[in-house]
């Protein structure tokens, strides 16, 4: 008999009516709330009533033949049983004192209307204290709710348990990173909870003091008797940090390669030639009390070369190799710690290339004699005429000689340089050689690499 009902149910579910004439009597001031059921449930609707005591459900048939009214439990519609004692008045069929938290199937002239009836009195949300749970940690904030807002379950035609969301509202403020403004910004957060089983988990956790308000559920709000509770969280323990880097860049972004005398690093990312200066800026949330910058050549940060205890860091890299930098922040007792992204700085080995000719004729090409270099920490250069008289001196490898002795250009011919320099890798340079000044326009300085 039950197998027959199950097979019959599969057939009749294929032709639901668009609308069923269902009404309730005896519900009082808290009228039943109709909720649309997911199509996958096999239900047409879900009705939530304040209580099933002393209520009646009326169904208006569209035909003249008698109807069949069935009830099913968590076992599903395949185990539905016919209800006896249905009152009939014309084409109005009435079920008195229905059983809550069950499903109902009305078969009428080859069509079916299926709904689940929730007795809210068995799930009633009540107020309780909202507080911070001791289980809160660095990754999540856990709130404890002393009231009741347990799941409201219903069962599909196939006997599958589903949850009817209470749509409880939780509102609080938190800090959120804003990439455009490069700042942690406090903003309101709102979460909708389907139910509460004693605790509420917030992830990401709270990063700032805030008022936390809870209200619901959607059924009590509809009936005008919503439950509300709140508390103030004054001491967050979780931390978050961010960092960025600012480096010195040339104002002349259109500088041609032949007029730039600093050799690239030959690697990817930041850095290149020492000394390389970088300004590191940190940002962190309210609970960060202790902070430091860590600098190391170990990408795993197991061996840290430098720990610098300041909020922002202006640092000059002088040593050859790959360097890693990150910002670390922790709370007052060190129980929560957060790390920024890692910055990678590459400093290439020292290098010095010296040109043997230039043409200071004002045509904008090769008008200044410059060395090409990388990672030089010390530099001195003397220029002499053929009689051994010093006519120019400079100590910045970014500088050069414009072909003048004082305020006047020297004559074309051969001149001499002496260079002493020291690289970031400890290499020392002592070089001397010829400089040819040409009147004609040239395409470059014919650089020769110094070993």
Protein backbone atom coordinates (compact mmCIF):
# COMPACT_ATOMS: atom_id res chain seq x y z
CA UNK A 1 0.00 0.00 0.00
CA UNK A 2 2.81 2.46 0.87
CA UNK A 3 4.69 1.57 -2.32
CA UNK A 4 1.51 2.27 -4.29
CA UNK A 5 1.18 5.67 -2.64
CA UNK A 6 4.83 6.48 -3.41
CA UNK A 7 4.44 5.63 -7.10
CA UNK A 8 1.18 7.56 -7.29
CA UNK A 9 2.86 10.55 -5.66
CA UNK A 10 5.58 10.63 -8.33
CA UNK A 11 2.87 10.79 -11.02
CA UNK A 12 0.75 13.52 -9.44
CA UNK A 13 3.74 15.78 -8.58
CA UNK A 14 4.20 16.50 -12.27
CA UNK A 15 1.11 18.72 -12.46
CA UNK A 16 0.92 21.16 -9.52
CA UNK A 17 -1.80 23.81 -9.69
CA UNK A 18 -0.53 27.36 -10.04
CA UNK A 19 -2.41 28.47 -6.95
CA UNK A 20 -4.11 26.67 -4.06
CA UNK A 21 -6.97 28.25 -2.11
CA UNK A 22 -5.56 27.77 1.41
CA UNK A 23 -6.70 29.89 4.37
CA UNK A 24 -6.39 29.71 8.15
CA UNK A 25 -8.89 30.35 10.94
CA UNK A 26 -8.26 30.91 14.65
CA UNK A 27 -4.72 32.23 14.23
CA UNK A 28 -5.45 35.39 16.18
CA UNK A 29 -3.19 38.45 15.97
CA UNK A 30 -0.18 36.49 14.68
CA UNK A 31 -1.28 35.53 11.22
CA UNK A 32 0.40 32.61 9.41
CA UNK A 33 3.41 33.51 7.27
CA UNK A 34 3.74 31.95 3.84
CA UNK A 35 7.24 31.14 2.58
CA UNK A 36 8.01 29.98 -0.94
CA UNK A 37 9.68 26.58 -0.94
CA UNK A 38 12.67 25.69 -3.15
CA UNK A 39 11.62 23.87 -6.32
CA UNK A 40 13.98 21.02 -5.43
CA UNK A 41 11.97 20.30 -2.26
CA UNK A 42 8.86 19.17 -4.12
CA UNK A 43 6.84 21.54 -1.90
CA UNK A 44 4.63 24.33 -3.13
CA UNK A 45 4.82 26.39 0.05
CA UNK A 46 5.81 26.45 3.71
CA UNK A 47 3.47 27.97 6.29
CA UNK A 48 4.71 29.22 9.67
CA UNK A 49 2.02 29.56 12.34
CA UNK A 50 2.43 30.97 15.84
CA UNK A 51 0.85 27.79 17.23
CA UNK A 52 -1.29 24.99 15.85
CA UNK A 53 -3.58 25.09 18.88
CA UNK A 54 -7.19 25.92 17.96
CA UNK A 55 -6.47 26.69 14.30
CA UNK A 56 -8.10 25.29 11.21
CA UNK A 57 -6.89 25.00 7.64
CA UNK A 58 -9.39 25.53 4.86
CA UNK A 59 -8.92 24.31 1.33
CA UNK A 60 -11.23 25.43 -1.47
CA UNK A 61 -11.50 22.81 -4.18
CA UNK A 62 -11.76 23.78 -7.82
CA UNK A 63 -13.85 20.73 -8.69
CA UNK A 64 -16.92 18.92 -7.46
CA UNK A 65 -15.39 15.54 -6.74
CA UNK A 66 -14.08 14.70 -3.28
CA UNK A 67 -10.43 15.31 -2.43
CA UNK A 68 -7.76 13.27 -0.64
CA UNK A 69 -5.84 14.93 2.20
CA UNK A 70 -2.63 13.23 3.35
CA UNK A 71 -0.04 13.90 6.07
CA UNK A 72 3.64 12.92 6.09
CA UNK A 73 6.52 13.13 8.57
CA UNK A 74 10.29 13.17 8.23
CA UNK A 75 10.01 9.93 6.24
CA UNK A 76 8.75 11.85 3.22
CA UNK A 77 5.70 11.78 1.00
CA UNK A 78 6.20 8.14 0.07
CA UNK A 79 4.98 7.29 3.58
CA UNK A 80 2.09 9.75 3.64
CA UNK A 81 -1.12 8.60 5.29
CA UNK A 82 -4.66 9.74 4.58
CA UNK A 83 -6.29 12.03 7.13
CA UNK A 84 -9.76 11.11 8.27
CA UNK A 85 -12.26 13.52 9.75
CA UNK A 86 -11.91 16.28 7.13
CA UNK A 87 -14.99 18.53 7.32
CA UNK A 88 -16.68 19.37 4.03
CA UNK A 89 -18.96 22.34 3.39
CA UNK A 90 -19.70 22.65 -0.31
CA UNK A 91 -16.30 22.78 -1.99
CA UNK A 92 -14.55 23.95 1.22
CA UNK A 93 -12.58 21.26 3.07
CA UNK A 94 -11.45 22.00 6.63
CA UNK A 95 -8.75 20.36 8.76
CA UNK A 96 -9.13 21.23 12.45
CA UNK A 97 -6.22 21.20 14.92
CA UNK A 98 -3.58 20.19 12.35
CA UNK A 99 -0.38 18.59 13.57
CA UNK A 100 2.52 20.99 13.35
CA UNK A 101 5.93 20.26 11.79
CA UNK A 102 4.48 17.86 9.23
CA UNK A 103 3.90 17.90 5.54
CA UNK A 104 0.50 17.85 3.87
CA UNK A 105 -0.56 16.65 0.45
CA UNK A 106 -3.90 17.61 -1.03
CA UNK A 107 -4.89 15.58 -4.11
CA UNK A 108 -7.64 17.27 -6.06
CA UNK A 109 -8.85 16.06 -9.47
CA UNK A 110 -5.50 14.65 -10.53
CA UNK A 111 -3.50 17.61 -9.23
CA UNK A 112 -1.65 18.05 -5.98
CA UNK A 113 -0.82 20.85 -3.58
CA UNK A 114 1.95 20.05 -1.07
CA UNK A 115 3.00 22.19 1.87
CA UNK A 116 4.87 21.95 5.17
CA UNK A 117 3.35 23.38 8.35
CA UNK A 118 5.79 24.84 10.94
CA UNK A 119 4.54 25.21 14.52
CA UNK A 120 6.65 28.20 15.56
CA UNK A 121 5.83 27.72 19.25
CA UNK A 122 8.24 24.76 19.21
CA UNK A 123 11.06 26.90 17.75
CA UNK A 124 10.34 30.27 19.30
CA UNK A 125 13.34 32.60 19.39
CA UNK A 126 13.79 34.21 22.79
CA UNK A 127 16.14 36.85 24.09
CA UNK A 128 19.39 36.10 25.86
CA UNK A 129 22.72 37.70 26.71
CA UNK A 130 25.15 38.25 23.85
CA UNK A 131 28.78 38.08 24.99
CA UNK A 132 32.33 37.27 23.91
CA UNK A 133 33.24 33.62 24.15
CA UNK A 134 36.54 32.60 25.71
CA UNK A 135 37.02 30.38 22.66
CA UNK A 136 37.73 33.45 20.49
CA UNK A 137 41.17 33.33 18.92
CA UNK A 138 43.41 35.12 16.43
CA UNK A 139 41.54 33.84 13.39
CA UNK A 140 37.94 34.20 14.51
CA UNK A 141 35.77 35.99 17.04
CA UNK A 142 33.24 33.72 18.72
CA UNK A 143 30.15 35.20 20.34
CA UNK A 144 27.96 33.41 22.86
CA UNK A 145 24.17 33.80 22.64
CA UNK A 146 22.31 32.83 25.79
CA UNK A 147 18.88 32.77 24.14
CA UNK A 148 17.29 30.28 21.76
CA UNK A 149 17.34 30.47 17.96
CA UNK A 150 17.82 26.81 17.04
CA UNK A 151 17.33 25.55 13.46
CA UNK A 152 13.82 25.31 12.02
CA UNK A 153 13.80 22.12 10.00
CA UNK A 154 11.36 20.82 7.43
CA UNK A 155 11.34 17.76 5.20
CA UNK A 156 11.00 17.56 1.45
CA UNK A 157 8.66 15.20 -0.35
CA UNK A 158 11.62 12.82 -0.67
CA UNK A 159 12.27 12.92 3.09
CA UNK A 160 15.38 15.12 2.90
CA UNK A 161 15.89 17.45 5.85
CA UNK A 162 16.19 21.15 4.99
CA UNK A 163 16.58 24.29 7.07
CA UNK A 164 14.15 27.22 6.99
CA UNK A 165 16.32 30.29 7.55
CA UNK A 166 15.33 32.53 10.42
CA UNK A 167 17.23 35.45 8.77
CA UNK A 168 18.60 36.74 12.06
CA UNK A 169 20.45 40.04 11.62
CA UNK A 170 23.86 40.68 13.23
CA UNK A 171 25.33 44.19 12.85
CA UNK A 172 28.75 45.43 13.99
CA UNK A 173 31.71 47.55 12.84
CA UNK A 174 35.05 46.16 11.73
CA UNK A 175 38.27 47.29 10.06
CA UNK A 176 38.67 46.48 6.39
CA UNK A 177 41.74 47.12 4.21
CA UNK A 178 41.16 49.64 1.43
CA UNK A 179 43.66 49.24 -1.41
CA UNK A 180 42.81 52.57 -3.03
CA UNK A 181 43.40 54.63 0.11
CA UNK A 182 46.06 52.28 1.57
CA UNK A 183 44.42 52.30 4.95
CA UNK A 184 42.35 50.20 7.36
CA UNK A 185 38.87 51.73 7.27
CA UNK A 186 36.16 51.13 9.85
CA UNK A 187 32.87 50.18 8.25
CA UNK A 188 29.59 48.55 9.20
CA UNK A 189 29.19 44.83 8.63
CA UNK A 190 25.86 42.99 8.55
CA UNK A 191 25.49 39.22 8.56
CA UNK A 192 22.32 37.20 8.12
CA UNK A 193 22.24 34.04 10.22
CA UNK A 194 19.90 31.13 9.40
CA UNK A 195 19.90 30.07 13.08
CA UNK A 196 22.12 30.13 16.18
CA UNK A 197 23.37 27.09 18.08
CA UNK A 198 24.67 28.97 21.14
CA UNK A 199 27.68 30.49 19.36
CA UNK A 200 28.24 32.83 16.41
CA UNK A 201 31.56 32.78 14.55
CA UNK A 202 32.93 35.94 12.90
CA UNK A 203 35.68 35.43 10.35
CA UNK A 204 37.59 37.62 9.77
CA UNK A 205 37.63 38.38 13.50
CA UNK A 206 36.94 41.70 15.15
CA UNK A 207 39.82 44.16 14.74
CA UNK A 208 38.34 47.18 16.57
CA UNK A 209 36.06 48.00 19.51
CA UNK A 210 32.43 47.94 18.40
CA UNK A 211 28.80 47.64 19.43
CA UNK A 212 27.39 44.29 18.30
CA UNK A 213 23.61 44.12 17.79
CA UNK A 214 21.49 41.03 17.12
CA UNK A 215 17.82 41.10 16.08
CA UNK A 216 15.34 38.62 14.70
CA UNK A 217 14.08 36.48 13.58
CA UNK A 218 12.22 37.34 10.35
CA UNK A 219 9.01 35.75 11.66
CA UNK A 220 9.03 37.73 14.90
CA UNK A 221 9.81 40.87 12.89
CA UNK A 222 6.81 40.15 10.66
CA UNK A 223 4.64 39.76 13.75
CA UNK A 224 6.10 42.95 15.25
CA UNK A 225 7.73 41.33 18.30
CA UNK A 226 11.37 40.96 17.23
CA UNK A 227 13.99 39.91 19.77
CA UNK A 228 16.93 42.32 20.11
CA UNK A 229 20.10 42.18 22.19
CA UNK A 230 23.52 43.83 22.05
CA UNK A 231 26.82 44.30 23.83
CA UNK A 232 29.99 46.37 23.41
CA UNK A 233 33.24 44.61 22.54
CA UNK A 234 35.98 46.87 23.86
CA UNK A 235 39.18 44.83 23.56
CA UNK A 236 39.79 42.93 20.32
CA UNK A 237 42.70 40.49 20.40
CA UNK A 238 43.04 39.70 16.68
CA UNK A 239 45.53 41.67 14.58
CA UNK A 240 46.08 42.41 10.90
CA UNK A 241 48.92 44.30 9.20
CA UNK A 242 49.76 45.66 5.76
CA UNK A 243 52.90 47.27 4.36
CA UNK A 244 54.04 49.07 1.24
CA UNK A 245 57.36 50.27 -0.14
CA UNK A 246 58.32 53.61 -1.66
CA UNK A 247 61.58 53.97 -3.57
CA UNK A 248 63.46 56.90 -5.03
CA UNK A 249 62.74 57.21 -8.75
CA UNK A 250 64.19 59.53 -11.36
CA UNK A 251 62.03 62.55 -12.13
CA UNK A 252 63.12 62.27 -15.75
CA UNK A 253 61.02 59.29 -16.79
CA UNK A 254 62.00 59.80 -20.44
CA UNK A 255 65.71 59.58 -19.79
CA UNK A 256 67.29 57.66 -22.66
CA UNK A 257 69.31 54.53 -21.95
CA UNK A 258 72.45 56.08 -23.37
CA UNK A 259 72.20 59.00 -20.96
CA UNK A 260 71.59 56.76 -17.94
CA UNK A 261 74.82 55.53 -16.40
CA UNK A 262 73.51 53.06 -13.81
CA UNK A 263 73.59 49.42 -14.91
CA UNK A 264 70.50 47.37 -14.14
CA UNK A 265 70.45 44.50 -11.67
CA UNK A 266 69.98 41.79 -14.25
CA UNK A 267 67.22 40.37 -12.01
CA UNK A 268 63.50 40.82 -11.44
CA UNK A 269 61.84 42.99 -8.82
CA UNK A 270 63.11 45.86 -6.72
CA UNK A 271 66.66 46.92 -6.19
CA UNK A 272 69.50 46.65 -8.67
CA UNK A 273 72.41 48.85 -7.74
CA UNK A 274 73.67 49.64 -4.26
CA UNK A 275 73.21 51.83 -2.42
CA UNK A 276 69.45 51.23 -2.82
CA UNK A 277 67.23 53.29 -0.53
CA UNK A 278 63.67 52.22 0.27
CA UNK A 279 61.02 53.67 2.54
CA UNK A 280 58.80 50.98 4.09
CA UNK A 281 55.42 52.07 5.50
CA UNK A 282 53.29 49.95 7.83
CA UNK A 283 49.56 49.87 8.59
CA UNK A 284 47.96 47.84 11.37
CA UNK A 285 44.73 47.30 13.31
CA UNK A 286 43.89 48.51 16.81
CA UNK A 287 45.18 45.57 18.85
CA UNK A 288 48.74 45.79 17.49
CA UNK A 289 51.01 46.91 20.32
CA UNK A 290 54.37 45.41 19.37
CA UNK A 291 55.81 45.72 15.87
CA UNK A 292 59.06 45.26 14.02
CA UNK A 293 60.59 45.10 10.55
CA UNK A 294 62.53 41.96 9.77
CA UNK A 295 65.31 41.91 7.16
CA UNK A 296 67.05 38.72 6.11
CA UNK A 297 68.69 36.86 3.24
CA UNK A 298 66.74 33.74 4.26
CA UNK A 299 63.44 33.48 2.32
CA UNK A 300 61.97 31.31 5.11
CA UNK A 301 62.84 33.92 7.79
CA UNK A 302 64.30 31.22 10.02
CA UNK A 303 67.47 33.29 10.43
CA UNK A 304 66.75 37.01 10.68
CA UNK A 305 69.66 39.39 10.17
CA UNK A 306 68.03 42.60 11.41
CA UNK A 307 65.04 43.40 13.65
CA UNK A 308 64.13 47.07 13.62
CA UNK A 309 61.49 48.17 16.13
CA UNK A 310 59.77 51.12 14.50
CA UNK A 311 56.52 51.78 12.67
CA UNK A 312 58.02 52.97 9.38
CA UNK A 313 61.46 52.19 8.08
CA UNK A 314 63.87 54.09 5.85
CA UNK A 315 66.57 51.61 4.90
CA UNK A 316 69.53 51.57 2.52
CA UNK A 317 70.63 48.25 1.04
CA UNK A 318 74.37 48.06 0.39
CA UNK A 319 75.20 44.36 0.38
CA UNK A 320 75.10 42.20 -2.73
CA UNK A 321 72.47 39.48 -2.94
CA UNK A 322 68.77 38.86 -2.38
CA UNK A 323 67.17 40.51 0.64
CA UNK A 324 63.71 39.85 2.14
CA UNK A 325 61.73 42.34 4.21
CA UNK A 326 58.44 41.99 6.09
CA UNK A 327 56.51 43.77 8.83
CA UNK A 328 55.30 41.90 11.91
CA UNK A 329 52.70 43.08 14.41
CA UNK A 330 51.39 41.42 17.59
CA UNK A 331 48.95 42.16 20.39
CA UNK A 332 49.78 43.04 23.99
CA UNK A 333 50.52 39.53 25.22
CA UNK A 334 51.93 38.23 21.93
CA UNK A 335 49.16 35.65 21.55
CA UNK A 336 48.22 36.93 18.08
CA UNK A 337 50.76 37.80 15.41
CA UNK A 338 50.31 38.99 11.82
CA UNK A 339 52.76 39.31 8.93
CA UNK A 340 52.76 41.62 5.92
CA UNK A 341 53.57 40.57 2.39
CA UNK A 342 57.27 39.94 1.81
CA UNK A 343 59.28 42.44 -0.21
CA UNK A 344 62.18 41.07 -2.23
CA UNK A 345 65.15 43.36 -2.91
CA UNK A 346 67.96 42.24 -5.22
CA UNK A 347 71.33 43.98 -5.17
CA UNK A 348 73.62 43.06 -8.05
CA UNK A 349 77.38 42.60 -7.89
CA UNK A 350 79.45 45.73 -8.40
CA UNK A 351 80.42 46.65 -11.93
CA UNK A 352 82.30 49.52 -13.60
CA UNK A 353 82.47 50.39 -17.30
CA UNK A 354 84.46 53.39 -18.51
CA UNK A 355 84.00 55.14 -21.89
CA UNK A 356 87.00 56.26 -23.93
CA UNK A 357 85.45 59.14 -25.88
CA UNK A 358 82.65 61.74 -25.89
CA UNK A 359 81.69 64.83 -27.89
CA UNK A 360 80.61 67.85 -25.80
CA UNK A 361 79.26 69.78 -28.80
CA UNK A 362 75.77 70.54 -27.41
CA UNK A 363 73.84 68.22 -29.75
CA UNK A 364 72.28 66.37 -26.79
CA UNK A 365 74.04 63.10 -27.60
CA UNK A 366 77.05 61.93 -25.61
CA UNK A 367 77.71 65.46 -24.37
CA UNK A 368 78.90 64.30 -20.91
CA UNK A 369 81.56 61.73 -20.11
CA UNK A 370 80.07 59.26 -17.60
CA UNK A 371 81.01 55.86 -16.26
CA UNK A 372 78.47 53.04 -16.29
CA UNK A 373 78.26 51.37 -12.90
CA UNK A 374 76.39 49.21 -10.45
CA UNK A 375 76.62 48.87 -6.65
CA UNK A 376 79.46 51.28 -5.99
CA UNK A 377 79.59 52.52 -2.42
CA UNK A 378 82.70 54.70 -2.84
CA UNK A 379 83.81 56.57 -5.94
CA UNK A 380 86.48 59.19 -6.83
CA UNK A 381 87.48 60.37 -10.28
CA UNK A 382 90.22 62.81 -11.35
CA UNK A 383 90.57 64.24 -14.86
CA UNK A 384 94.02 65.48 -16.09
CA UNK A 385 95.28 67.17 -19.22
CA UNK A 386 98.27 65.83 -21.15
CA UNK A 387 100.62 67.88 -18.95
CA UNK A 388 99.34 66.18 -15.78
CA UNK A 389 97.33 69.17 -14.52
CA UNK A 390 94.08 68.27 -12.75
CA UNK A 391 91.19 69.99 -14.52
CA UNK A 392 88.16 68.21 -12.99
CA UNK A 393 87.15 66.04 -10.02
CA UNK A 394 83.87 64.37 -8.99
CA UNK A 395 82.94 61.74 -6.36
CA UNK A 396 79.43 60.73 -7.38
CA UNK A 397 79.24 57.91 -9.95
CA UNK A 398 75.98 59.46 -11.15
CA UNK A 399 77.93 62.57 -12.12
CA UNK A 400 80.31 63.11 -15.03
CA UNK A 401 82.57 65.52 -16.89
CA UNK A 402 81.02 68.02 -19.30
CA UNK A 403 84.34 68.77 -21.07
CA UNK A 404 85.00 72.03 -19.23
CA UNK A 405 87.91 73.33 -17.24
CA UNK A 406 86.25 75.82 -14.98
CA UNK A 407 83.67 77.59 -17.14
CA UNK A 408 85.32 76.98 -20.52
CA UNK A 409 85.32 73.97 -22.80
CA UNK A 410 88.72 72.38 -23.30
CA UNK A 411 90.18 71.73 -26.73
CA UNK A 412 89.61 68.44 -28.53
CA UNK A 413 92.29 65.86 -27.87
CA UNK A 414 93.38 63.22 -25.41
CA UNK A 415 92.84 63.58 -21.63
CA UNK A 416 93.39 61.18 -18.78
CA UNK A 417 91.33 59.80 -15.90
CA UNK A 418 92.16 58.09 -12.61
CA UNK A 419 89.35 56.30 -10.77
CA UNK A 420 89.27 54.73 -7.32
CA UNK A 421 86.08 52.97 -6.27
CA UNK A 422 84.72 50.28 -3.94
CA UNK A 423 81.77 48.00 -4.62
CA UNK A 424 79.10 46.74 -2.23
CA UNK A 425 80.60 43.28 -2.63
CA UNK A 426 83.95 44.56 -1.28
CA UNK A 427 85.63 44.73 -4.67
CA UNK A 428 88.11 47.60 -5.08
CA UNK A 429 88.71 49.43 -8.37
CA UNK A 430 91.83 51.43 -9.31
CA UNK A 431 91.63 52.44 -12.95
CA UNK A 432 93.35 54.90 -15.28
CA UNK A 433 93.09 55.54 -18.99
CA UNK A 434 92.52 57.93 -21.91
CA UNK A 435 89.54 60.12 -22.73
CA UNK A 436 89.22 61.35 -26.33
CA UNK A 437 87.24 64.54 -26.85
CA UNK A 438 85.71 64.67 -30.32
CA UNK A 439 84.14 67.63 -32.08
CA UNK A 440 81.96 65.54 -34.43
CA UNK A 441 78.60 64.03 -33.46
CA UNK A 442 78.93 60.43 -32.18
CA UNK A 443 76.43 57.72 -31.41
CA UNK A 444 77.84 56.63 -28.10
CA UNK A 445 80.79 56.32 -25.82
CA UNK A 446 82.32 53.02 -26.97
CA UNK A 447 82.18 51.58 -23.44
CA UNK A 448 84.75 48.97 -22.51
CA UNK A 449 84.14 46.84 -19.44
CA UNK A 450 86.79 47.05 -16.74
CA UNK A 451 87.73 43.75 -15.16
